[in-house]
Protein backbone atom coordinates (compact mmCIF):
# COMPACT_ATOMS: atom_id res chain seq x y z
CA MET A 1 81.50 -27.29 87.96
CA LYS A 2 82.84 -30.11 90.08
CA ILE A 3 86.60 -29.62 90.52
CA THR A 4 88.51 -32.40 92.25
CA LEU A 5 92.03 -32.04 93.59
CA ILE A 6 93.75 -35.45 93.50
CA ALA A 7 97.15 -35.93 95.11
CA ALA A 8 99.37 -38.57 96.62
CA ILE A 9 101.27 -37.29 99.63
CA SER A 10 103.95 -38.62 101.91
CA ALA A 11 103.09 -39.02 105.58
CA ASP A 12 104.82 -35.66 106.10
CA GLY A 13 102.60 -33.94 103.52
CA LYS A 14 104.87 -33.71 100.48
CA ILE A 15 103.90 -34.51 96.87
CA ALA A 16 107.52 -35.21 95.88
CA GLU A 17 111.08 -35.03 97.14
CA ARG A 18 112.12 -33.01 94.05
CA THR A 19 110.17 -31.05 91.43
CA ASP A 20 111.28 -33.42 88.66
CA GLN A 21 110.22 -36.59 90.49
CA SER A 22 107.38 -38.74 89.20
CA SER A 23 104.91 -39.93 91.83
CA MET A 24 105.28 -43.36 90.23
CA ASP A 25 108.67 -43.54 91.98
CA TRP A 26 107.10 -43.80 95.43
CA THR A 27 103.34 -44.30 95.32
CA SER A 28 101.44 -47.59 95.45
CA LYS A 29 99.87 -49.35 92.49
CA GLU A 30 96.53 -48.88 94.26
CA ASP A 31 97.00 -45.10 94.21
CA THR A 32 97.89 -45.22 90.52
CA LYS A 33 94.74 -47.25 89.84
CA PHE A 34 92.62 -44.75 91.81
CA PHE A 35 94.17 -41.79 89.94
CA ILE A 36 93.47 -43.35 86.55
CA GLU A 37 89.88 -44.25 87.46
CA LYS A 38 89.06 -40.88 89.03
CA THR A 39 90.59 -38.81 86.22
CA LYS A 40 88.87 -40.89 83.55
CA GLU A 41 85.60 -40.39 85.44
CA ALA A 42 86.16 -36.61 85.39
CA GLY A 43 87.12 -36.72 81.71
CA THR A 44 89.28 -33.60 81.83
CA LEU A 45 92.57 -33.37 83.71
CA VAL A 46 94.57 -30.21 84.40
CA MET A 47 98.19 -30.22 85.52
CA GLY A 48 101.16 -27.91 85.48
CA ARG A 49 104.07 -28.04 83.05
CA LYS A 50 106.54 -29.45 85.61
CA THR A 51 104.14 -32.24 86.54
CA PHE A 52 103.50 -32.96 82.89
CA ALA A 53 107.26 -33.16 82.29
CA THR A 54 107.39 -36.17 84.65
CA ILE A 55 105.10 -38.13 82.29
CA ASN A 56 105.55 -36.21 79.00
CA LYS A 57 102.75 -37.96 77.10
CA PRO A 58 98.98 -37.78 76.64
CA LEU A 59 96.89 -39.83 79.04
CA LYS A 60 94.56 -42.34 77.46
CA GLY A 61 90.84 -41.71 77.93
CA ARG A 62 91.22 -38.16 79.28
CA ARG A 63 91.43 -34.65 77.91
CA LEU A 64 94.73 -33.30 79.23
CA ILE A 65 95.27 -29.57 79.72
CA VAL A 66 98.70 -28.37 80.79
CA LEU A 67 99.06 -24.96 82.44
CA THR A 68 102.24 -23.18 81.44
CA ARG A 69 103.44 -19.58 81.45
CA ASP A 70 104.19 -19.59 77.71
CA PRO A 71 102.28 -22.15 75.60
CA SER A 72 104.18 -21.04 72.47
CA LYS A 73 107.38 -22.54 73.91
CA GLU A 74 105.80 -26.00 74.28
CA THR A 75 106.17 -28.70 71.66
CA PRO A 76 102.70 -29.46 70.27
CA MET A 77 101.55 -32.97 71.09
CA PRO A 78 98.36 -34.77 70.03
CA GLY A 79 96.00 -35.18 72.98
CA VAL A 80 97.65 -32.43 75.05
CA GLU A 81 96.47 -28.81 75.21
CA PHE A 82 98.88 -26.17 76.54
CA THR A 83 97.41 -22.97 77.95
CA SER A 84 98.38 -19.99 80.11
CA GLU A 85 94.81 -19.22 81.16
CA GLU A 86 94.17 -18.32 84.77
CA PRO A 87 92.05 -20.92 86.61
CA VAL A 88 88.83 -18.86 86.60
CA ALA A 89 89.10 -18.14 82.86
CA LEU A 90 89.94 -21.79 82.10
CA VAL A 91 86.97 -23.05 84.10
CA ARG A 92 84.67 -20.52 82.42
CA ARG A 93 85.86 -21.66 78.98
CA LEU A 94 85.51 -25.35 79.83
CA GLU A 95 82.00 -24.79 81.21
CA GLY A 96 81.15 -23.05 77.94
CA GLU A 97 82.34 -26.14 76.12
CA GLY A 98 80.00 -28.31 78.20
CA CYS A 99 82.58 -29.66 80.65
CA ALA A 100 80.91 -30.50 83.98
CA GLU A 101 83.82 -32.01 85.87
CA LEU A 102 87.53 -31.34 86.11
CA ALA A 103 90.34 -33.15 87.94
CA LEU A 104 93.52 -31.44 89.11
CA GLY A 105 96.62 -33.60 88.91
CA GLY A 106 99.32 -31.32 90.29
CA GLY A 107 101.60 -29.83 91.13
CA ALA A 108 101.79 -27.49 94.09
CA SER A 109 101.40 -24.30 92.05
CA VAL A 110 98.32 -25.55 90.16
CA TYR A 111 96.72 -26.83 93.37
CA GLY A 112 97.45 -23.49 95.06
CA GLN A 113 96.05 -21.42 92.18
CA PHE A 114 92.78 -23.34 92.09
CA LEU A 115 92.47 -23.31 95.90
CA GLN A 116 93.17 -19.57 96.04
CA ALA A 117 90.51 -18.94 93.37
CA GLY A 118 87.98 -20.90 95.47
CA LEU A 119 87.33 -23.37 92.64
CA VAL A 120 88.13 -26.72 94.31
CA THR A 121 85.01 -28.59 95.45
CA GLU A 122 86.55 -31.82 96.74
CA VAL A 123 89.96 -33.21 97.65
CA PHE A 124 91.29 -36.77 97.47
CA LEU A 125 94.59 -37.35 99.28
CA THR A 126 96.31 -40.70 99.15
CA VAL A 127 98.66 -40.89 102.15
CA GLU A 128 101.60 -43.16 101.40
CA PRO A 129 103.82 -44.68 104.15
CA ILE A 130 106.98 -42.67 103.53
CA LEU A 131 108.62 -39.62 105.09
CA PHE A 132 110.66 -37.35 102.83
CA GLY A 133 111.94 -34.92 105.46
CA GLY A 134 111.72 -32.14 102.88
CA GLY A 135 110.46 -31.68 99.38
CA VAL A 136 107.55 -30.24 97.48
CA PRO A 137 104.52 -29.19 99.58
CA LEU A 138 100.99 -30.18 98.54
CA ALA A 139 100.10 -26.61 97.60
CA GLN A 140 101.29 -23.06 98.00
CA GLY A 141 100.05 -19.51 97.61
CA PHE A 142 96.53 -19.87 98.99
CA ASP A 143 94.57 -18.84 102.06
CA ARG A 144 93.11 -21.25 104.61
CA VAL A 145 90.57 -23.71 103.19
CA PRO A 146 88.34 -25.59 105.64
CA LEU A 147 87.60 -29.21 104.70
CA LYS A 148 84.96 -31.70 105.77
CA LEU A 149 86.05 -35.34 105.94
CA GLU A 150 83.71 -37.35 103.74
CA SER A 151 85.39 -40.77 103.89
CA VAL A 152 88.53 -42.76 104.66
CA LYS A 153 89.36 -45.83 102.60
CA GLN A 154 92.25 -48.21 103.06
CA LEU A 155 93.79 -48.85 99.63
CA ASN A 156 96.22 -51.52 100.85
CA SER A 157 97.73 -52.58 104.18
CA GLN A 158 99.82 -49.37 104.39
CA THR A 159 98.04 -46.72 102.30
CA VAL A 160 94.89 -44.70 103.00
CA LEU A 161 92.72 -42.49 100.78
CA LEU A 162 91.14 -39.44 102.42
CA HIS A 163 88.17 -37.80 100.73
CA TYR A 164 87.27 -34.24 101.76
CA ILE A 165 84.54 -31.86 100.66
CA VAL A 166 85.51 -28.19 100.49
């Protein structure tokens, strides 16, 4: 299965200043457009509960799966599936359902879990022109992952999109 990690990062490598911050607060409209297009292309999007809390609604044109420790504590919502499955089990189930591609939309814990399990096949990082000086790292809890730079694209006069193959 193709599994794509998609993230916007500050120039100092953070995905947010605070865990409750929406990326919409600081990312470019070009990054938002890329995220929407890429996740619709994948068809299925996985994110963590804290990341989901920053949007708190289904995303049009995509199957949205939210990883959470206790799905029974979540308020059911049409178009949103809550699960506590480990990444390998989730991927196995989705493959069994015919899913061929999956996008990861954050946050650091979800990125780290999928990287640690060796499931990520490509990475898209939008680097935005801002320094936070602290904040939420891209990912955590994984071992070194070598990347191969596939392409660099300028999204606007200040923002670049890096595409890596794992």
